[in-house]
Amino acid sequence: MSAQGIISSIEAEQLKSDLPTIYVGDTVRVGVRIREGGKERIQPYEGTVIAMRNGSINETITVRRVFQGIGVERVFLVHSPRIAEIKIVRRGKVRRAKLYYLRDRVGKATRVKQRFDRSI
């Protein structure tokens, strides 16, 4: 077996199958596993997906939210074991693949229209 075949077989084992189909513009709630001392808990992080990159095992989503008046973006490796769950809160109606323009907007201007033709 070639090195590429070995790598792809290991990656196939790590892929998650229970993920919803995520689109840019969606509002998602990502459950992140956090270790504190000897305990582990799941902390939700809710925000708008402003970018998606790569595919397969390396797929990442960038989620943006405004916390206490400051914009916070986190990049999540979708198939990481640290991600407990990804739940779609609402679908967004957008016309481009990257929503970096939301960084320059403040308040109600950051809202994304809701899309009703895709199910949650």
N, C-alpha and C. Protein backbone atom coordinates (compact mmCIF):
# COMPACT_ATOMS: atom_id res chain seq x y z
N MET A 1 0.85 -1.19 0.00
CA MET A 1 0.00 0.00 0.00
C MET A 1 0.89 1.25 0.00
N SER A 2 0.53 2.22 -0.80
CA SER A 2 1.33 3.44 -0.90
C SER A 2 1.10 4.33 0.32
N ALA A 3 1.99 5.29 0.48
CA ALA A 3 1.88 6.22 1.61
C ALA A 3 0.61 7.04 1.52
N GLN A 4 0.26 7.42 0.30
CA GLN A 4 -0.98 8.20 0.10
C GLN A 4 -2.20 7.38 0.49
N GLY A 5 -2.19 6.10 0.17
CA GLY A 5 -3.32 5.22 0.52
C GLY A 5 -3.45 5.04 2.01
N ILE A 6 -2.32 4.94 2.69
CA ILE A 6 -2.34 4.80 4.16
C ILE A 6 -2.90 6.06 4.80
N ILE A 7 -2.45 7.21 4.32
CA ILE A 7 -2.92 8.49 4.87
C ILE A 7 -4.41 8.65 4.65
N SER A 8 -4.88 8.35 3.45
CA SER A 8 -6.30 8.53 3.15
C SER A 8 -7.17 7.56 3.95
N SER A 9 -6.67 6.36 4.25
CA SER A 9 -7.45 5.41 5.05
C SER A 9 -7.55 5.87 6.50
N ILE A 10 -6.47 6.47 7.02
CA ILE A 10 -6.50 7.01 8.39
C ILE A 10 -7.45 8.20 8.45
N GLU A 11 -7.40 9.07 7.43
CA GLU A 11 -8.29 10.23 7.39
C GLU A 11 -9.75 9.80 7.31
N ALA A 12 -10.04 8.74 6.57
CA ALA A 12 -11.42 8.27 6.42
C ALA A 12 -11.99 7.81 7.76
N GLU A 13 -11.15 7.25 8.63
CA GLU A 13 -11.62 6.83 9.96
C GLU A 13 -11.98 8.03 10.82
N GLN A 14 -11.28 9.16 10.63
CA GLN A 14 -11.47 10.34 11.47
C GLN A 14 -12.64 11.20 11.04
N LEU A 15 -13.14 11.02 9.82
CA LEU A 15 -14.24 11.85 9.32
C LEU A 15 -15.50 11.62 10.12
N LYS A 16 -16.19 12.72 10.44
CA LYS A 16 -17.48 12.62 11.14
C LYS A 16 -18.59 12.47 10.11
N SER A 17 -19.55 11.62 10.43
CA SER A 17 -20.65 11.37 9.48
C SER A 17 -21.94 12.07 9.88
N ASP A 18 -22.02 12.54 11.13
CA ASP A 18 -23.28 13.10 11.64
C ASP A 18 -23.36 14.62 11.52
N LEU A 19 -22.53 15.21 10.65
CA LEU A 19 -22.52 16.66 10.52
C LEU A 19 -23.65 17.15 9.60
N PRO A 20 -24.27 18.29 9.94
CA PRO A 20 -25.26 18.86 9.03
C PRO A 20 -24.55 19.56 7.87
N THR A 21 -25.28 19.84 6.80
CA THR A 21 -24.68 20.59 5.70
C THR A 21 -24.69 22.06 6.08
N ILE A 22 -23.51 22.62 6.16
CA ILE A 22 -23.32 24.01 6.60
C ILE A 22 -23.04 24.87 5.38
N TYR A 23 -23.67 26.04 5.35
CA TYR A 23 -23.43 27.00 4.28
C TYR A 23 -22.94 28.30 4.90
N VAL A 24 -22.24 29.11 4.10
CA VAL A 24 -21.82 30.43 4.55
C VAL A 24 -23.06 31.28 4.77
N GLY A 25 -23.11 32.01 5.87
CA GLY A 25 -24.26 32.83 6.21
C GLY A 25 -25.15 32.21 7.26
N ASP A 26 -24.98 30.91 7.50
CA ASP A 26 -25.79 30.24 8.52
C ASP A 26 -25.35 30.68 9.91
N THR A 27 -26.32 30.70 10.82
CA THR A 27 -26.00 30.89 12.23
C THR A 27 -25.93 29.52 12.86
N VAL A 28 -24.78 29.20 13.45
CA VAL A 28 -24.56 27.87 14.00
C VAL A 28 -24.20 27.95 15.48
N ARG A 29 -24.49 26.86 16.18
CA ARG A 29 -24.07 26.72 17.57
C ARG A 29 -23.09 25.55 17.62
N VAL A 30 -21.83 25.85 17.90
CA VAL A 30 -20.78 24.84 17.92
C VAL A 30 -20.52 24.47 19.38
N GLY A 31 -20.63 23.19 19.69
CA GLY A 31 -20.32 22.71 21.03
C GLY A 31 -18.85 22.33 21.09
N VAL A 32 -18.07 23.08 21.88
CA VAL A 32 -16.63 22.87 21.97
C VAL A 32 -16.32 22.19 23.29
N ARG A 33 -15.56 21.09 23.23
CA ARG A 33 -15.15 20.40 24.45
C ARG A 33 -14.02 21.18 25.10
N ILE A 34 -14.18 21.48 26.39
CA ILE A 34 -13.17 22.24 27.13
C ILE A 34 -12.78 21.45 28.36
N ARG A 35 -11.47 21.27 28.57
CA ARG A 35 -10.97 20.57 29.75
C ARG A 35 -10.59 21.60 30.80
N GLU A 36 -11.13 21.40 31.99
CA GLU A 36 -10.77 22.26 33.12
C GLU A 36 -10.37 21.33 34.26
N GLY A 37 -9.10 21.30 34.55
CA GLY A 37 -8.62 20.35 35.56
C GLY A 37 -8.79 18.94 35.04
N GLY A 38 -9.48 18.11 35.81
CA GLY A 38 -9.73 16.74 35.39
C GLY A 38 -11.07 16.58 34.72
N LYS A 39 -11.88 17.66 34.73
CA LYS A 39 -13.23 17.57 34.18
C LYS A 39 -13.28 18.07 32.75
N GLU A 40 -14.32 17.64 32.05
CA GLU A 40 -14.54 18.09 30.68
C GLU A 40 -15.98 18.56 30.55
N ARG A 41 -16.16 19.70 29.89
CA ARG A 41 -17.51 20.21 29.67
C ARG A 41 -17.62 20.69 28.23
N ILE A 42 -18.87 20.90 27.80
CA ILE A 42 -19.11 21.38 26.43
C ILE A 42 -19.60 22.81 26.51
N GLN A 43 -18.85 23.70 25.86
CA GLN A 43 -19.20 25.12 25.86
C GLN A 43 -19.74 25.50 24.49
N PRO A 44 -20.96 26.04 24.42
CA PRO A 44 -21.51 26.44 23.12
C PRO A 44 -20.92 27.76 22.64
N TYR A 45 -20.70 27.85 21.34
CA TYR A 45 -20.21 29.08 20.71
C TYR A 45 -21.12 29.34 19.52
N GLU A 46 -21.92 30.40 19.61
CA GLU A 46 -22.91 30.66 18.57
C GLU A 46 -22.54 31.89 17.77
N GLY A 47 -22.62 31.78 16.46
CA GLY A 47 -22.30 32.92 15.60
C GLY A 47 -22.61 32.61 14.14
N THR A 48 -22.24 33.54 13.28
CA THR A 48 -22.49 33.42 11.85
C THR A 48 -21.27 32.85 11.15
N VAL A 49 -21.49 31.89 10.26
CA VAL A 49 -20.39 31.33 9.47
C VAL A 49 -20.04 32.34 8.40
N ILE A 50 -18.80 32.89 8.45
CA ILE A 50 -18.41 33.89 7.46
C ILE A 50 -17.47 33.32 6.41
N ALA A 51 -16.91 32.12 6.65
CA ALA A 51 -16.01 31.52 5.66
C ALA A 51 -15.94 30.01 5.87
N MET A 52 -15.71 29.30 4.77
CA MET A 52 -15.46 27.86 4.80
C MET A 52 -14.23 27.60 3.94
N ARG A 53 -13.37 26.70 4.41
CA ARG A 53 -12.14 26.41 3.67
C ARG A 53 -11.92 24.92 3.53
N ASN A 54 -11.20 24.57 2.48
CA ASN A 54 -10.76 23.20 2.23
C ASN A 54 -11.91 22.22 2.14
N GLY A 55 -11.62 20.96 2.37
CA GLY A 55 -12.62 19.92 2.29
C GLY A 55 -12.08 18.69 2.98
N SER A 56 -12.86 17.63 2.99
CA SER A 56 -12.46 16.38 3.59
C SER A 56 -12.08 16.58 5.06
N ILE A 57 -10.96 16.05 5.48
CA ILE A 57 -10.56 16.08 6.89
C ILE A 57 -10.11 17.48 7.32
N ASN A 58 -9.66 18.29 6.38
CA ASN A 58 -9.13 19.61 6.71
C ASN A 58 -10.16 20.73 6.65
N GLU A 59 -11.42 20.39 6.55
CA GLU A 59 -12.47 21.40 6.40
C GLU A 59 -12.57 22.27 7.65
N THR A 60 -12.57 23.59 7.45
CA THR A 60 -12.70 24.51 8.57
C THR A 60 -13.82 25.50 8.30
N ILE A 61 -14.43 25.99 9.39
CA ILE A 61 -15.41 27.06 9.28
C ILE A 61 -14.97 28.18 10.21
N THR A 62 -15.16 29.41 9.76
CA THR A 62 -14.87 30.58 10.58
C THR A 62 -16.20 31.13 11.06
N VAL A 63 -16.35 31.19 12.38
CA VAL A 63 -17.60 31.63 12.99
C VAL A 63 -17.35 32.96 13.70
N ARG A 64 -18.21 33.94 13.40
CA ARG A 64 -18.07 35.28 13.97
C ARG A 64 -19.26 35.61 14.85
N ARG A 65 -18.97 36.20 16.00
CA ARG A 65 -20.02 36.69 16.87
C ARG A 65 -19.53 37.98 17.52
N VAL A 66 -20.46 38.78 18.01
CA VAL A 66 -20.09 40.01 18.70
C VAL A 66 -20.34 39.77 20.18
N PHE A 67 -19.28 39.89 20.98
CA PHE A 67 -19.36 39.65 22.41
C PHE A 67 -18.93 40.91 23.14
N GLN A 68 -19.84 41.49 23.90
CA GLN A 68 -19.60 42.72 24.67
C GLN A 68 -19.06 43.83 23.78
N GLY A 69 -19.65 43.95 22.58
CA GLY A 69 -19.28 45.02 21.68
C GLY A 69 -18.03 44.79 20.86
N ILE A 70 -17.41 43.62 21.02
CA ILE A 70 -16.18 43.32 20.29
C ILE A 70 -16.43 42.10 19.41
N GLY A 71 -16.05 42.19 18.13
CA GLY A 71 -16.21 41.07 17.22
C GLY A 71 -15.18 40.00 17.51
N VAL A 72 -15.65 38.75 17.67
CA VAL A 72 -14.77 37.63 17.96
C VAL A 72 -14.97 36.58 16.87
N GLU A 73 -13.87 36.15 16.25
CA GLU A 73 -13.94 35.11 15.23
C GLU A 73 -13.14 33.91 15.69
N ARG A 74 -13.72 32.75 15.48
CA ARG A 74 -13.00 31.51 15.80
C ARG A 74 -13.04 30.60 14.58
N VAL A 75 -11.94 29.94 14.35
CA VAL A 75 -11.85 28.99 13.24
C VAL A 75 -11.93 27.59 13.85
N PHE A 76 -12.89 26.80 13.37
CA PHE A 76 -13.09 25.45 13.89
C PHE A 76 -12.73 24.44 12.82
N LEU A 77 -11.95 23.44 13.21
CA LEU A 77 -11.70 22.29 12.35
C LEU A 77 -12.91 21.37 12.52
N VAL A 78 -13.72 21.24 11.48
CA VAL A 78 -15.03 20.60 11.58
C VAL A 78 -14.94 19.17 12.08
N HIS A 79 -13.95 18.42 11.63
CA HIS A 79 -13.84 17.00 11.98
C HIS A 79 -12.97 16.75 13.21
N SER A 80 -12.64 17.79 13.94
CA SER A 80 -11.81 17.66 15.13
C SER A 80 -12.56 16.94 16.25
N PRO A 81 -11.86 16.13 17.05
CA PRO A 81 -12.52 15.50 18.19
C PRO A 81 -12.91 16.51 19.27
N ARG A 82 -12.36 17.71 19.22
CA ARG A 82 -12.73 18.76 20.17
C ARG A 82 -14.12 19.31 19.95
N ILE A 83 -14.62 19.15 18.74
CA ILE A 83 -15.96 19.64 18.40
C ILE A 83 -16.96 18.54 18.76
N ALA A 84 -17.82 18.83 19.75
CA ALA A 84 -18.80 17.83 20.18
C ALA A 84 -19.97 17.77 19.21
N GLU A 85 -20.48 18.94 18.81
CA GLU A 85 -21.63 18.98 17.90
C GLU A 85 -21.67 20.32 17.19
N ILE A 86 -22.33 20.32 16.04
CA ILE A 86 -22.61 21.56 15.32
C ILE A 86 -24.10 21.56 15.02
N LYS A 87 -24.80 22.58 15.53
CA LYS A 87 -26.24 22.68 15.33
C LYS A 87 -26.54 23.95 14.56
N ILE A 88 -27.37 23.85 13.55
CA ILE A 88 -27.74 25.02 12.75
C ILE A 88 -28.95 25.69 13.40
N VAL A 89 -28.79 26.96 13.75
CA VAL A 89 -29.85 27.72 14.41
C VAL A 89 -30.77 28.32 13.36
N ARG A 90 -30.19 28.95 12.32
CA ARG A 90 -30.98 29.51 11.23
C ARG A 90 -30.13 29.56 9.97
N ARG A 91 -30.81 29.53 8.84
CA ARG A 91 -30.13 29.60 7.55
C ARG A 91 -30.04 31.05 7.10
N GLY A 92 -28.93 31.41 6.49
CA GLY A 92 -28.74 32.78 6.03
C GLY A 92 -28.79 32.87 4.52
N LYS A 93 -29.31 33.98 4.02
CA LYS A 93 -29.39 34.21 2.58
C LYS A 93 -28.30 35.20 2.20
N VAL A 94 -27.24 34.69 1.57
CA VAL A 94 -26.12 35.54 1.18
C VAL A 94 -25.76 35.27 -0.27
N ARG A 95 -25.00 36.19 -0.86
CA ARG A 95 -24.69 36.07 -2.28
C ARG A 95 -23.21 35.91 -2.58
N ARG A 96 -22.42 35.67 -1.55
CA ARG A 96 -20.98 35.45 -1.79
C ARG A 96 -20.42 34.39 -0.86
N ALA A 97 -19.24 33.92 -1.20
CA ALA A 97 -18.65 32.79 -0.50
C ALA A 97 -17.95 33.18 0.79
N LYS A 98 -17.47 34.40 0.88
CA LYS A 98 -16.79 34.88 2.09
C LYS A 98 -17.46 36.16 2.54
N LEU A 99 -17.80 36.24 3.82
CA LEU A 99 -18.53 37.39 4.34
C LEU A 99 -17.62 38.29 5.17
N TYR A 100 -16.41 38.53 4.69
CA TYR A 100 -15.46 39.34 5.44
C TYR A 100 -15.92 40.78 5.59
N TYR A 101 -16.84 41.22 4.73
CA TYR A 101 -17.34 42.59 4.83
C TYR A 101 -18.11 42.83 6.13
N LEU A 102 -18.55 41.77 6.79
CA LEU A 102 -19.27 41.93 8.05
C LEU A 102 -18.37 42.48 9.16
N ARG A 103 -17.06 42.35 8.98
CA ARG A 103 -16.11 42.86 9.98
C ARG A 103 -16.18 44.38 10.09
N ASP A 104 -16.49 45.04 8.98
CA ASP A 104 -16.51 46.50 8.97
C ASP A 104 -17.86 47.07 9.40
N ARG A 105 -18.83 46.21 9.62
CA ARG A 105 -20.18 46.69 9.94
C ARG A 105 -20.43 46.62 11.44
N VAL A 106 -21.37 47.49 11.88
CA VAL A 106 -21.65 47.59 13.31
C VAL A 106 -23.16 47.50 13.53
N GLY A 107 -23.57 46.87 14.61
CA GLY A 107 -24.97 46.85 15.01
C GLY A 107 -25.86 46.07 14.08
N LYS A 108 -27.00 46.69 13.71
CA LYS A 108 -27.99 46.00 12.90
C LYS A 108 -27.51 45.76 11.47
N ALA A 109 -26.49 46.46 11.04
CA ALA A 109 -25.96 46.28 9.68
C ALA A 109 -25.30 44.91 9.51
N THR A 110 -24.99 44.24 10.62
CA THR A 110 -24.34 42.92 10.53
C THR A 110 -25.34 41.79 10.34
N ARG A 111 -26.63 42.11 10.35
CA ARG A 111 -27.62 41.05 10.22
C ARG A 111 -27.62 40.45 8.83
N VAL A 112 -27.89 39.15 8.76
CA VAL A 112 -27.99 38.43 7.49
C VAL A 112 -29.45 37.99 7.36
N LYS A 113 -30.02 38.20 6.16
CA LYS A 113 -31.42 37.79 5.93
C LYS A 113 -31.56 36.29 6.11
N GLN A 114 -32.75 35.88 6.56
CA GLN A 114 -33.01 34.47 6.75
C GLN A 114 -33.45 33.82 5.45
N ARG A 115 -33.02 32.59 5.27
CA ARG A 115 -33.37 31.82 4.07
C ARG A 115 -34.33 30.72 4.47
N PHE A 116 -35.44 30.60 3.75
CA PHE A 116 -36.47 29.65 4.13
C PHE A 116 -36.55 28.43 3.24
N ASP A 117 -35.83 28.43 2.11
CA ASP A 117 -35.96 27.30 1.18
C ASP A 117 -35.06 26.12 1.55
N ARG A 118 -34.11 26.30 2.47
CA ARG A 118 -33.29 25.18 2.95
C ARG A 118 -33.77 24.81 4.34
N SER A 119 -33.91 23.53 4.59
CA SER A 119 -34.39 23.11 5.91
C SER A 119 -33.25 23.13 6.93
N ILE A 120 -33.63 23.27 8.17
CA ILE A 120 -32.61 23.31 9.25
C ILE A 120 -32.27 21.91 9.67
